[in-house]
């Protein structure tokens, strides 16, 4: 597991959010059914080991935002909130 993603997961859980670890084909992804807290966004943006991503909503997809550690193949995802 990525230390950077583990830190973001712990921060999210500190807000009372409940995450679920899912094993996807390209990465293990911690998914949260809530919007990303601002301090998690700031911490992730400052972390050089992870990259920010956005997937806009579509007709059959609610959209999500998050961070991925490509080297560790671990990510954190939150619902789209724009």
C-alpha atoms as a PDB file:
ATOM      1  CA  UNK A   1       0.000   0.000   0.000  1.00  0.00           C
ATOM      2  CA  UNK A   2       1.143   3.504  -0.744  1.00  0.00           C
ATOM      3  CA  UNK A   3       2.180   5.491   2.336  1.00  0.00           C
ATOM      4  CA  UNK A   4       0.846   8.664   0.698  1.00  0.00           C
ATOM      5  CA  UNK A   5      -2.567   7.121  -0.025  1.00  0.00           C
ATOM      6  CA  UNK A   6      -2.683   5.578   3.468  1.00  0.00           C
ATOM      7  CA  UNK A   7      -2.175   9.082   4.903  1.00  0.00           C
ATOM      8  CA  UNK A   8      -5.052  10.469   2.793  1.00  0.00           C
ATOM      9  CA  UNK A   9      -7.297   7.557   3.804  1.00  0.00           C
ATOM     10  CA  UNK A  10      -6.533   8.192   7.489  1.00  0.00           C
ATOM     11  CA  UNK A  11      -7.286  11.896   7.071  1.00  0.00           C
ATOM     12  CA  UNK A  12     -10.592  11.062   5.371  1.00  0.00           C
ATOM     13  CA  UNK A  13     -11.544   8.619   8.102  1.00  0.00           C
ATOM     14  CA  UNK A  14     -10.683  11.341  10.623  1.00  0.00           C
ATOM     15  CA  UNK A  15     -13.582  13.301   9.118  1.00  0.00           C
ATOM     16  CA  UNK A  16     -15.865  10.369   9.877  1.00  0.00           C
ATOM     17  CA  UNK A  17     -15.959   9.188   6.248  1.00  0.00           C
ATOM     18  CA  UNK A  18     -16.172   5.453   5.613  1.00  0.00           C
ATOM     19  CA  UNK A  19     -14.017   4.089   2.821  1.00  0.00           C
ATOM     20  CA  UNK A  20     -14.019   0.730   1.119  1.00  0.00           C
ATOM     21  CA  UNK A  21     -10.971  -0.909  -0.457  1.00  0.00           C
ATOM     22  CA  UNK A  22     -11.725  -2.263  -3.932  1.00  0.00           C
ATOM     23  CA  UNK A  23      -9.346  -4.355  -6.017  1.00  0.00           C
ATOM     24  CA  UNK A  24      -9.607  -2.952  -9.547  1.00  0.00           C
ATOM     25  CA  UNK A  25      -7.636  -4.244 -12.511  1.00  0.00           C
ATOM     26  CA  UNK A  26      -5.121  -1.358 -12.556  1.00  0.00           C
ATOM     27  CA  UNK A  27      -4.995  -0.413  -8.864  1.00  0.00           C
ATOM     28  CA  UNK A  28      -6.345  -1.020  -5.370  1.00  0.00           C
ATOM     29  CA  UNK A  29      -8.752   1.869  -4.830  1.00  0.00           C
ATOM     30  CA  UNK A  30     -10.101   3.279  -1.579  1.00  0.00           C
ATOM     31  CA  UNK A  31     -13.556   4.612  -2.496  1.00  0.00           C
ATOM     32  CA  UNK A  32     -15.520   7.126  -0.456  1.00  0.00           C
ATOM     33  CA  UNK A  33     -19.176   7.918  -1.232  1.00  0.00           C
ATOM     34  CA  UNK A  34     -18.739  11.531  -0.108  1.00  0.00           C
ATOM     35  CA  UNK A  35     -16.990  14.579  -1.575  1.00  0.00           C
ATOM     36  CA  UNK A  36     -13.274  14.985  -0.888  1.00  0.00           C
ATOM     37  CA  UNK A  37     -12.572  17.118   2.203  1.00  0.00           C
ATOM     38  CA  UNK A  38     -10.569  20.252   1.406  1.00  0.00           C
ATOM     39  CA  UNK A  39      -7.673  19.362   3.731  1.00  0.00           C
ATOM     40  CA  UNK A  40      -7.357  15.962   1.999  1.00  0.00           C
ATOM     41  CA  UNK A  41      -7.242  17.742  -1.373  1.00  0.00           C
ATOM     42  CA  UNK A  42      -4.529  20.093  -0.120  1.00  0.00           C
ATOM     43  CA  UNK A  43      -2.481  17.257   1.426  1.00  0.00           C
ATOM     44  CA  UNK A  44      -2.738  15.171  -1.746  1.00  0.00           C
ATOM     45  CA  UNK A  45      -1.778  18.100  -3.949  1.00  0.00           C
ATOM     46  CA  UNK A  46       1.332  18.672  -1.815  1.00  0.00           C
ATOM     47  CA  UNK A  47       2.343  14.975  -1.952  1.00  0.00           C
ATOM     48  CA  UNK A  48       4.832  14.299  -4.793  1.00  0.00           C
ATOM     49  CA  UNK A  49       4.163  10.528  -4.848  1.00  0.00           C
ATOM     50  CA  UNK A  50       0.554  10.904  -6.056  1.00  0.00           C
ATOM     51  CA  UNK A  51      -1.229  12.426  -9.046  1.00  0.00           C
ATOM     52  CA  UNK A  52      -4.631  14.125  -8.923  1.00  0.00           C
ATOM     53  CA  UNK A  53      -7.339  12.953 -11.328  1.00  0.00           C
ATOM     54  CA  UNK A  54     -10.918  13.875 -12.241  1.00  0.00           C
ATOM     55  CA  UNK A  55     -13.456  11.802 -14.137  1.00  0.00           C
ATOM     56  CA  UNK A  56     -16.434  13.937 -15.090  1.00  0.00           C
ATOM     57  CA  UNK A  57     -19.957  12.586 -14.592  1.00  0.00           C
ATOM     58  CA  UNK A  58     -21.674  10.950 -17.522  1.00  0.00           C
ATOM     59  CA  UNK A  59     -25.048   9.371 -18.253  1.00  0.00           C
ATOM     60  CA  UNK A  60     -24.151   6.154 -16.418  1.00  0.00           C
ATOM     61  CA  UNK A  61     -21.368   7.361 -14.116  1.00  0.00           C
ATOM     62  CA  UNK A  62     -21.586   9.754 -11.163  1.00  0.00           C
ATOM     63  CA  UNK A  63     -18.011  10.963 -11.695  1.00  0.00           C
ATOM     64  CA  UNK A  64     -15.148  10.936  -9.228  1.00  0.00           C
ATOM     65  CA  UNK A  65     -12.011  12.762  -8.164  1.00  0.00           C
ATOM     66  CA  UNK A  66      -9.005  11.464  -6.324  1.00  0.00           C
ATOM     67  CA  UNK A  67      -5.325  10.727  -6.184  1.00  0.00           C
ATOM     68  CA  UNK A  68      -3.351   7.776  -7.499  1.00  0.00           C
ATOM     69  CA  UNK A  69       0.092   6.483  -6.644  1.00  0.00           C
ATOM     70  CA  UNK A  70       0.981   4.864  -9.961  1.00  0.00           C
ATOM     71  CA  UNK A  71       4.127   3.199  -8.649  1.00  0.00           C
ATOM     72  CA  UNK A  72       2.284   1.529  -5.742  1.00  0.00           C
ATOM     73  CA  UNK A  73      -0.865   0.983  -7.843  1.00  0.00           C
ATOM     74  CA  UNK A  74      -3.038   2.421  -5.066  1.00  0.00           C
ATOM     75  CA  UNK A  75      -5.610   5.214  -5.283  1.00  0.00           C
ATOM     76  CA  UNK A  76      -8.226   7.110  -3.304  1.00  0.00           C
ATOM     77  CA  UNK A  77     -11.507   8.185  -4.891  1.00  0.00           C
ATOM     78  CA  UNK A  78     -14.373  10.491  -3.860  1.00  0.00           C
ATOM     79  CA  UNK A  79     -17.657  11.370  -5.566  1.00  0.00           C
ATOM     80  CA  UNK A  80     -17.661  14.244  -8.034  1.00  0.00           C
ATOM     81  CA  UNK A  81     -18.557  17.485  -6.284  1.00  0.00           C
ATOM     82  CA  UNK A  82     -18.305  20.358  -8.773  1.00  0.00           C
END
